[in-house]
Amino acid sequence: MKLYQSSGSPNSRRVKIYLAEKGITMPFVPVDLGAREQFSDAYAAINPRRVVPALVLDDGTAIAEVPAIIRYLEETHPNPPLLGSSPKEKAIVAMWERRMELEGFAAVMETVRNGAAGLKGRAIAGPHGYNQIPELIVRGRSRIADFYGDLEARLSDMPFVAGDEFSIADITAIVAIDFASKALELSMPGENGASRRWYSSVATRPSMTA
């Protein structure tokens, strides 16, 4: 297997953290997003949606989209479980990971892509061009603030996002937070004590340097 990825891609980072948590090693093939290598014919043959990451299996099968990549790897490398163990745990982890992606990660992505000068005409990732909408920057910042508030409420009751164990939901959440902090200078509020306790615990895991 090999992973086509970019060091500047938050979605690539989600998969690389997951791999490090699992102890799975494979070659990383860099895709230069700045040089628009994702739009090359060679990469389009791997992933017609022209985004990273993409996992290519030994038989040449290409799997794109973070949830699909992680689902495949979880099925083939079940331990330690990061998507839950029992049917109930799996459903709860999936629910919370979905919320972290929609309410946090997607909100940051929307805000960044609608404001970055280098992404004019590419406000939505993929093969089609879409114009930036400045109003979505304002809405996105509000969404991120709400995400921080909702996350604080959740972590006031639980040690990790999906419950008692570290999971893919924590990975998506911390990547979203780091993305917001770096790209938008929107860090978690200082008064969010539960979130900061969780962040300190998760950020010091060896996988976070992946």
Protein backbone atom coordinates (compact mmCIF):
# COMPACT_ATOMS: atom_id res chain seq x y z
CA MET A 1 0.00 0.00 0.00
CA LYS A 2 0.98 3.61 -0.42
CA LEU A 3 -0.64 6.89 0.54
CA TYR A 4 -0.73 9.84 -1.81
CA GLN A 5 -0.77 12.87 0.47
CA SER A 6 0.38 16.42 1.08
CA SER A 7 2.11 17.75 4.18
CA GLY A 8 -0.05 20.89 3.94
CA SER A 9 -3.34 18.99 3.77
CA PRO A 10 -5.37 18.68 7.00
CA ASN A 11 -7.19 15.67 5.54
CA SER A 12 -3.85 13.99 4.87
CA ARG A 13 -2.87 14.70 8.46
CA ARG A 14 -6.00 12.94 9.74
CA VAL A 15 -4.97 9.74 7.98
CA LYS A 16 -1.31 10.01 8.98
CA ILE A 17 -2.23 10.40 12.66
CA TYR A 18 -4.51 7.38 12.35
CA LEU A 19 -1.72 5.33 10.78
CA ALA A 20 0.68 6.33 13.55
CA GLU A 21 -1.86 5.36 16.23
CA LYS A 22 -2.24 1.96 14.57
CA GLY A 23 1.45 1.45 13.97
CA ILE A 24 0.83 0.98 10.25
CA THR A 25 3.69 1.96 7.99
CA MET A 26 3.60 2.49 4.24
CA PRO A 27 5.28 4.73 1.67
CA PHE A 28 3.97 8.29 1.48
CA VAL A 29 3.85 9.73 -2.04
CA PRO A 30 3.90 13.55 -1.92
CA VAL A 31 1.41 15.50 -4.01
CA ASP A 32 2.42 19.14 -4.43
CA LEU A 33 -0.81 21.11 -4.02
CA GLY A 34 0.96 24.43 -4.52
CA ALA A 35 2.11 23.28 -7.94
CA ARG A 36 -1.43 21.97 -8.63
CA GLU A 37 -0.09 18.45 -9.03
CA GLN A 38 -3.46 17.13 -7.90
CA PHE A 39 -4.84 18.31 -11.25
CA SER A 40 -2.30 16.36 -13.30
CA ASP A 41 -3.49 13.56 -15.53
CA ALA A 42 -1.37 11.11 -13.56
CA TYR A 43 -3.04 11.94 -10.25
CA ALA A 44 -6.51 12.23 -11.79
CA ALA A 45 -6.11 8.62 -12.89
CA ILE A 46 -5.71 7.71 -9.21
CA ASN A 47 -8.38 10.01 -7.83
CA PRO A 48 -10.70 11.69 -10.37
CA ARG A 49 -11.93 14.04 -7.64
CA ARG A 50 -8.36 15.43 -7.56
CA VAL A 51 -8.03 15.79 -3.80
CA VAL A 52 -5.73 14.19 -1.25
CA PRO A 53 -5.28 11.79 0.40
CA ALA A 54 -5.73 8.64 -1.66
CA LEU A 55 -4.76 5.14 -0.59
CA VAL A 56 -3.56 2.77 -3.32
CA LEU A 57 -3.66 -0.94 -2.45
CA ASP A 58 -1.21 -3.59 -3.59
CA ASP A 59 -3.59 -4.65 -6.38
CA GLY A 60 -3.84 -1.08 -7.67
CA THR A 61 -7.24 -0.29 -6.19
CA ALA A 62 -7.46 3.37 -5.21
CA ILE A 63 -9.51 4.44 -2.19
CA ALA A 64 -10.11 8.14 -1.64
CA GLU A 65 -12.02 10.14 1.03
CA VAL A 66 -10.79 10.02 4.61
CA PRO A 67 -13.70 8.01 6.12
CA ALA A 68 -13.38 5.36 3.39
CA ILE A 69 -9.61 5.07 3.80
CA ILE A 70 -9.93 4.73 7.55
CA ARG A 71 -12.77 2.21 7.27
CA TYR A 72 -10.64 -0.01 5.04
CA LEU A 73 -7.64 0.22 7.36
CA GLU A 74 -9.77 -0.46 10.43
CA GLU A 75 -11.16 -3.60 8.83
CA THR A 76 -7.71 -4.85 7.89
CA HIS A 77 -5.94 -3.69 11.07
CA PRO A 78 -8.57 -3.87 13.83
CA ASN A 79 -6.25 -3.35 16.81
CA PRO A 80 -6.15 -1.04 18.58
CA PRO A 81 -9.74 -0.13 17.66
CA LEU A 82 -10.19 3.54 16.78
CA LEU A 83 -13.71 3.23 15.38
CA GLY A 84 -15.16 1.42 18.39
CA SER A 85 -15.41 -2.27 19.29
CA SER A 86 -19.03 -3.22 19.91
CA PRO A 87 -21.88 -2.29 17.55
CA LYS A 88 -22.98 0.42 20.00
CA GLU A 89 -19.47 1.84 20.35
CA LYS A 90 -19.00 1.88 16.58
CA ALA A 91 -22.23 3.80 16.12
CA ILE A 92 -21.34 6.33 18.82
CA VAL A 93 -17.83 6.89 17.46
CA ALA A 94 -19.25 7.31 13.94
CA MET A 95 -21.81 9.81 15.23
CA TRP A 96 -19.25 11.95 17.05
CA GLU A 97 -16.69 11.77 14.28
CA ARG A 98 -19.38 12.94 11.86
CA ARG A 99 -20.17 15.87 14.13
CA MET A 100 -16.51 16.81 14.45
CA GLU A 101 -16.21 16.76 10.67
CA LEU A 102 -19.40 18.67 9.87
CA GLU A 103 -19.42 21.16 12.73
CA GLY A 104 -15.69 21.69 13.14
CA PHE A 105 -13.53 20.56 10.25
CA ALA A 106 -15.96 21.59 7.50
CA ALA A 107 -16.57 24.96 9.13
CA VAL A 108 -12.85 25.72 9.15
CA MET A 109 -12.43 24.50 5.59
CA GLU A 110 -15.33 26.65 4.37
CA THR A 111 -13.90 29.73 6.06
CA VAL A 112 -10.38 29.20 4.74
CA ARG A 113 -11.33 28.35 1.16
CA ASN A 114 -13.67 31.31 0.81
CA GLY A 115 -11.04 33.76 2.01
CA ALA A 116 -7.63 32.57 0.83
CA ALA A 117 -6.31 34.63 -2.06
CA GLY A 118 -4.63 31.60 -3.58
CA LEU A 119 -7.94 29.73 -3.76
CA LYS A 120 -9.91 32.15 -5.91
CA GLY A 121 -12.09 30.10 -8.22
CA ARG A 122 -11.47 27.03 -6.07
CA ALA A 123 -13.69 27.68 -3.06
CA ILE A 124 -14.67 24.01 -2.97
CA ALA A 125 -12.02 21.31 -3.31
CA GLY A 126 -12.31 19.08 -6.34
CA PRO A 127 -12.27 19.18 -10.12
CA HIS A 128 -14.89 21.92 -10.55
CA GLY A 129 -14.31 25.63 -10.10
CA TYR A 130 -16.46 27.61 -7.67
CA ASN A 131 -16.21 31.28 -6.80
CA GLN A 132 -15.51 32.42 -3.27
CA ILE A 133 -18.42 33.84 -1.28
CA PRO A 134 -17.18 36.43 1.26
CA GLU A 135 -20.32 36.10 3.38
CA LEU A 136 -19.38 32.51 4.13
CA ILE A 137 -16.26 33.73 5.93
CA VAL A 138 -18.41 35.54 8.48
CA ARG A 139 -20.73 32.58 8.84
CA GLY A 140 -17.79 30.19 9.06
CA ARG A 141 -16.25 32.10 11.95
CA SER A 142 -19.57 31.89 13.78
CA ARG A 143 -19.74 28.18 13.10
CA ILE A 144 -16.24 27.69 14.52
CA ALA A 145 -17.19 29.61 17.67
CA ASP A 146 -20.24 27.38 18.07
CA PHE A 147 -18.09 24.31 17.49
CA TYR A 148 -15.78 25.35 20.32
CA GLY A 149 -18.75 25.90 22.63
CA ASP A 150 -20.38 22.57 21.79
CA LEU A 151 -17.06 20.73 22.15
CA GLU A 152 -16.54 22.28 25.58
CA ALA A 153 -19.95 21.06 26.70
CA ARG A 154 -19.19 17.56 25.49
CA LEU A 155 -15.73 17.37 27.05
CA SER A 156 -17.06 18.65 30.36
CA ASP A 157 -18.72 15.24 30.70
CA MET A 158 -16.34 12.93 28.82
CA PRO A 159 -12.56 12.43 28.72
CA PHE A 160 -12.60 12.01 24.94
CA VAL A 161 -14.94 13.19 22.22
CA ALA A 162 -16.74 9.87 21.70
CA GLY A 163 -16.58 8.73 25.32
CA ASP A 164 -14.03 6.99 27.51
CA GLU A 165 -11.56 5.99 24.78
CA PHE A 166 -9.46 7.87 22.25
CA SER A 167 -10.91 7.47 18.75
CA ILE A 168 -11.03 8.84 15.24
CA ALA A 169 -13.41 11.51 16.56
CA ASP A 170 -10.54 12.97 18.60
CA ILE A 171 -8.27 12.95 15.56
CA THR A 172 -10.75 14.88 13.43
CA ALA A 173 -11.43 17.34 16.25
CA ILE A 174 -7.80 18.17 17.00
CA VAL A 175 -6.91 18.52 13.31
CA ALA A 176 -9.83 20.94 12.90
CA ILE A 177 -8.66 22.96 15.91
CA ASP A 178 -5.05 23.11 14.73
CA PHE A 179 -6.24 24.08 11.25
CA ALA A 180 -8.37 26.92 12.66
CA SER A 181 -5.54 28.10 14.90
CA LYS A 182 -2.93 28.14 12.14
CA ALA A 183 -4.94 29.28 9.13
CA LEU A 184 -7.41 31.63 10.81
CA GLU A 185 -5.82 32.42 14.19
CA LEU A 186 -9.00 31.11 15.82
CA SER A 187 -7.80 29.15 18.83
CA MET A 188 -10.01 27.66 21.49
CA PRO A 189 -11.17 30.25 24.03
CA GLY A 190 -8.97 30.37 27.12
CA GLU A 191 -11.94 29.78 29.40
CA ASN A 192 -12.72 26.41 27.78
CA GLY A 193 -11.02 24.44 30.53
CA ALA A 194 -12.35 20.99 29.64
CA SER A 195 -11.37 21.39 26.00
CA ARG A 196 -7.91 22.59 26.94
CA ARG A 197 -7.44 19.64 29.31
CA TRP A 198 -8.45 17.28 26.49
CA TYR A 199 -6.26 19.09 23.96
CA SER A 200 -3.19 18.88 26.20
CA SER A 201 -3.74 15.15 26.62
CA VAL A 202 -4.30 14.41 22.94
CA ALA A 203 -1.65 16.77 21.53
CA THR A 204 1.12 15.02 23.46
CA ARG A 205 0.42 11.62 21.92
CA PRO A 206 3.34 10.47 19.74
CA SER A 207 1.04 10.17 16.73
CA MET A 208 0.44 13.91 16.65
CA THR A 209 3.87 14.53 15.16
CA ALA A 210 2.99 12.35 12.16
